[in-house]
Amino acid sequence: MASPQRARETTGDDASPTPTNAPEPTNECNRGDAAQIPDASEPDLKKRKVAEATMSVDSPSRKVNEHLVWDTNRCGDLILLSNKKQTMETCILDSDQWNCVLASQPASRFRVRLDKLGRGGELWIGYCKKDRFVPNGSTRGRFCQILRADDGVTGDDTSHPFCDGDELTITHHRANHTIVFQKNGQDIGIEYEHVTDEARYPAIVTNSDQVFMTLL
């Protein structure tokens, strides 16, 4: 399937990420990493467009959305939530298994800390409409593919390299119908245009093992 951007241009609607060159599944799941993530605790219940200027974001110490958490009712089977539902963790031993998580409410902007990018598979972060969310399937939306900088992989116009600990801010400018992405406060040149003015929810889509992400 085409990347999210190409799919948007051909179908006129949101696209769903699909795995490419899926890796061999790993053979273990180490839950001990949770203790190394800032603020983490025991699990709860269960188009590229080069920017001309840097956009500002809130101070890292300030939470963008005070009440934004991950939704336990819209969470894949292999995702655990902790830190008062602000941190998500994956344990995916089979790369054919997609798991997704949706935020508790729509947001015009949100920020996530990429605590650990995990291993194998693919990782996408962005927005989706509530009715396009599928916990363990083809969730459709406007996403940025998170590439692991250490892998040296060249992506396309909807992907960007990141390292553990980076922060990603995603903003839905409803007035001019765009969605833009920033890494550590710097515009990374990914912009979706002609985005309809509808409520959109922060979402993560992945088939990667040992991913940790925290809403800030």
Protein backbone atom coordinates (compact mmCIF):
# COMPACT_ATOMS: atom_id res chain seq x y z
CA MET A 1 0.00 0.00 0.00
CA ALA A 2 1.11 3.56 -0.66
CA SER A 3 2.51 5.73 2.07
CA PRO A 4 0.00 7.90 3.97
CA GLN A 5 0.76 10.98 1.82
CA ARG A 6 0.44 9.20 -1.52
CA ALA A 7 -2.71 7.48 -0.37
CA ARG A 8 -4.22 10.82 0.56
CA GLU A 9 -3.56 12.19 -2.92
CA THR A 10 -5.07 9.20 -4.70
CA THR A 11 -8.03 8.45 -2.47
CA GLY A 12 -8.85 11.86 -1.05
CA ASP A 13 -9.07 10.40 2.42
CA ASP A 14 -6.90 9.34 5.29
CA ALA A 15 -4.54 6.43 4.77
CA SER A 16 -3.48 3.49 6.84
CA PRO A 17 0.17 2.47 7.35
CA THR A 18 1.10 -1.06 6.31
CA PRO A 19 4.29 -3.01 7.08
CA THR A 20 7.11 -3.27 4.51
CA ASN A 21 9.88 -5.84 4.80
CA ALA A 22 8.55 -6.98 8.13
CA PRO A 23 11.31 -8.37 10.34
CA GLU A 24 11.49 -11.76 11.94
CA PRO A 25 9.67 -11.80 15.27
CA THR A 26 11.76 -11.55 18.39
CA ASN A 27 11.57 -14.24 21.03
CA GLU A 28 11.24 -12.35 24.27
CA CYS A 29 9.54 -9.42 25.92
CA ASN A 30 11.37 -7.57 28.66
CA ARG A 31 9.01 -5.58 30.84
CA GLY A 32 11.91 -4.36 33.01
CA ASP A 33 12.53 -1.39 30.69
CA ALA A 34 9.55 0.47 32.14
CA ALA A 35 11.58 1.39 35.20
CA GLN A 36 14.04 3.29 32.98
CA ILE A 37 11.42 5.58 31.42
CA PRO A 38 10.91 8.97 33.13
CA ASP A 39 7.61 9.05 35.03
CA ALA A 40 6.75 5.46 34.08
CA SER A 41 5.20 3.13 36.63
CA GLU A 42 3.45 -0.22 36.76
CA PRO A 43 0.93 -0.74 33.92
CA ASP A 44 -2.63 0.38 34.50
CA LEU A 45 -5.53 -1.87 33.66
CA LYS A 46 -4.98 -2.63 30.96
CA LYS A 47 4.02 15.84 1.94
CA ARG A 48 7.33 17.16 2.55
CA LYS A 49 7.44 21.03 2.44
CA VAL A 50 10.65 22.75 3.51
CA ALA A 51 9.96 25.18 6.31
CA GLU A 52 11.21 28.75 6.08
CA ALA A 53 11.01 29.45 9.79
CA THR A 54 11.07 27.63 13.07
CA MET A 55 7.80 27.34 14.92
CA SER A 56 7.73 27.71 18.66
CA VAL A 57 6.35 25.20 21.12
CA ASP A 58 5.70 25.18 24.80
CA SER A 59 8.53 24.74 27.25
CA PRO A 60 9.35 21.03 27.72
CA SER A 61 8.32 21.37 31.35
CA ARG A 62 4.83 22.48 30.43
CA LYS A 63 2.22 19.95 29.40
CA VAL A 64 0.50 20.87 26.11
CA ASN A 65 -2.81 19.26 27.08
CA GLU A 66 -3.31 18.91 30.81
CA HIS A 67 -6.03 16.26 30.50
CA LEU A 68 -4.79 14.32 27.47
CA VAL A 69 -4.04 10.66 28.15
CA TRP A 70 -4.18 7.41 26.21
CA ASP A 71 -7.58 5.74 26.15
CA THR A 72 -7.74 2.30 27.75
CA ASN A 73 -10.89 1.56 25.74
CA ARG A 74 -9.14 2.32 22.44
CA CYS A 75 -5.92 0.45 22.90
CA GLY A 76 -4.45 -2.58 21.12
CA ASP A 77 -4.20 -5.89 22.91
CA LEU A 78 -0.39 -5.77 23.04
CA ILE A 79 -0.11 -2.23 24.42
CA LEU A 80 0.13 -1.48 28.12
CA LEU A 81 -0.54 1.93 29.66
CA SER A 82 1.23 3.34 32.72
CA ASN A 83 2.13 6.67 34.36
CA LYS A 84 -1.54 7.58 34.81
CA LYS A 85 -2.17 6.49 31.21
CA GLN A 86 0.33 8.98 29.74
CA THR A 87 2.92 6.32 28.79
CA MET A 88 2.29 3.50 26.33
CA GLU A 89 4.44 0.39 25.92
CA THR A 90 4.33 -2.37 23.33
CA CYS A 91 5.13 -6.05 23.57
CA ILE A 92 4.73 -7.32 20.02
CA LEU A 93 6.45 -10.60 19.27
CA ASP A 94 4.89 -11.03 15.82
CA SER A 95 5.49 -8.21 13.31
CA ASP A 96 2.26 -9.11 11.51
CA GLN A 97 0.34 -7.87 14.53
CA TRP A 98 -0.50 -4.17 14.32
CA ASN A 99 -1.40 -2.45 17.55
CA CYS A 100 -2.73 1.08 17.89
CA VAL A 101 -3.67 3.44 20.68
CA LEU A 102 -5.85 6.55 20.60
CA ALA A 103 -5.86 9.54 22.92
CA SER A 104 -8.77 10.13 25.24
CA GLN A 105 -9.93 13.27 23.43
CA PRO A 106 -9.25 15.29 20.26
CA ALA A 107 -6.50 17.92 20.38
CA SER A 108 -5.37 20.72 18.07
CA ARG A 109 -1.81 20.05 19.21
CA PHE A 110 -0.04 17.36 21.17
CA ARG A 111 3.51 16.41 22.09
CA VAL A 112 5.00 13.00 22.76
CA ARG A 113 8.40 12.00 24.10
CA LEU A 114 9.87 9.09 22.17
CA ASP A 115 11.28 7.33 25.21
CA LYS A 116 12.27 4.18 23.30
CA LEU A 117 11.81 3.57 19.58
CA GLY A 118 11.79 -0.17 20.05
CA ARG A 119 13.00 -2.76 17.58
CA GLY A 120 11.81 -4.16 14.28
CA GLY A 121 8.60 -3.30 12.52
CA GLU A 122 7.31 0.20 11.85
CA LEU A 123 6.18 3.10 14.00
CA TRP A 124 3.77 5.88 13.00
CA ILE A 125 2.51 8.85 15.03
CA GLY A 126 -0.12 11.41 14.05
CA TYR A 127 -3.82 12.06 13.96
CA CYS A 128 -6.84 9.98 13.09
CA LYS A 129 -10.58 10.42 13.24
CA LYS A 130 -12.31 8.53 15.98
CA ASP A 131 -14.32 6.39 13.55
CA ARG A 132 -11.15 5.39 11.64
CA PHE A 133 -9.45 3.87 14.66
CA VAL A 134 -8.95 0.10 14.80
CA PRO A 135 -7.08 -1.18 17.89
CA ASN A 136 -5.52 -4.19 16.18
CA GLY A 137 -5.94 -3.41 12.50
CA SER A 138 -5.84 -0.80 9.75
CA THR A 139 -6.10 2.55 11.51
CA ARG A 140 -6.30 5.38 8.99
CA GLY A 141 -5.04 8.94 9.50
CA ARG A 142 -2.35 11.56 8.88
CA PHE A 143 0.90 10.14 10.20
CA CYS A 144 4.65 10.64 10.33
CA GLN A 145 6.69 7.46 10.12
CA ILE A 146 9.30 7.38 12.86
CA LEU A 147 12.63 6.10 11.49
CA ARG A 148 15.35 4.94 13.85
CA ALA A 149 18.34 7.22 13.16
CA ASP A 150 20.81 4.44 14.00
CA ASP A 151 19.35 2.22 11.26
CA GLY A 152 20.45 4.63 8.50
CA VAL A 153 17.23 4.00 6.60
CA THR A 154 16.14 6.52 3.95
CA GLY A 155 12.43 7.18 4.13
CA ASP A 156 9.95 9.06 1.97
CA ASP A 157 8.16 12.39 2.27
CA THR A 158 6.18 11.33 5.32
CA SER A 159 9.05 9.91 7.39
CA HIS A 160 11.87 11.33 9.51
CA PRO A 161 14.73 9.91 11.64
CA PHE A 162 14.49 10.14 15.42
CA CYS A 163 16.47 8.99 18.43
CA ASP A 164 15.38 7.78 21.83
CA GLY A 165 14.38 10.76 23.97
CA ASP A 166 13.39 13.08 21.10
CA GLU A 167 10.12 14.97 21.37
CA LEU A 168 7.60 15.16 18.53
CA THR A 169 4.98 17.92 18.40
CA ILE A 170 2.08 17.59 15.97
CA THR A 171 -0.29 20.48 15.24
CA HIS A 172 -3.60 20.50 13.40
CA HIS A 173 -4.07 24.05 12.07
CA ARG A 174 -7.79 23.87 11.48
CA ALA A 175 -8.01 27.43 10.08
CA ASN A 176 -5.65 26.70 7.16
CA HIS A 177 -6.39 22.97 6.95
CA THR A 178 -2.89 21.63 7.56
CA ILE A 179 -1.12 19.24 9.91
CA VAL A 180 2.56 19.90 10.65
CA PHE A 181 5.28 18.07 12.59
CA GLN A 182 8.20 19.31 14.72
CA LYS A 183 11.11 17.49 16.32
CA ASN A 184 12.47 19.06 19.48
CA GLY A 185 10.85 22.37 18.52
CA GLN A 186 12.20 22.40 14.93
CA ASP A 187 9.98 22.02 11.86
CA ILE A 188 10.93 18.82 10.02
CA GLY A 189 9.23 19.76 6.74
CA ILE A 190 6.36 17.29 6.79
CA GLU A 191 3.04 18.94 6.13
CA TYR A 192 -0.34 17.55 5.19
CA GLU A 193 -2.56 19.96 3.27
CA HIS A 194 -6.30 20.10 2.56
CA VAL A 195 -7.08 18.49 5.90
CA THR A 196 -10.78 18.67 6.65
CA ASP A 197 -11.91 20.62 9.68
CA GLU A 198 -12.97 17.70 11.85
CA ALA A 199 -12.02 16.56 15.30
CA ARG A 200 -8.88 14.43 15.16
CA TYR A 201 -7.32 12.36 17.87
CA PRO A 202 -3.63 11.74 18.62
CA ALA A 203 -2.76 8.17 17.67
CA ILE A 204 0.13 5.72 17.51
CA VAL A 205 0.21 2.82 15.04
CA THR A 206 2.96 0.22 15.28
CA ASN A 207 4.04 -3.36 14.88
CA SER A 208 7.32 -2.75 16.73
CA ASP A 209 8.38 -4.42 19.94
CA GLN A 210 9.48 -2.54 23.07
CA VAL A 211 8.22 0.92 22.08
CA PHE A 212 7.71 3.44 24.89
CA MET A 213 5.98 6.80 24.24
CA THR A 214 4.81 9.41 26.74
CA LEU A 215 2.26 12.18 26.22
CA LEU A 216 3.62 15.52 27.49
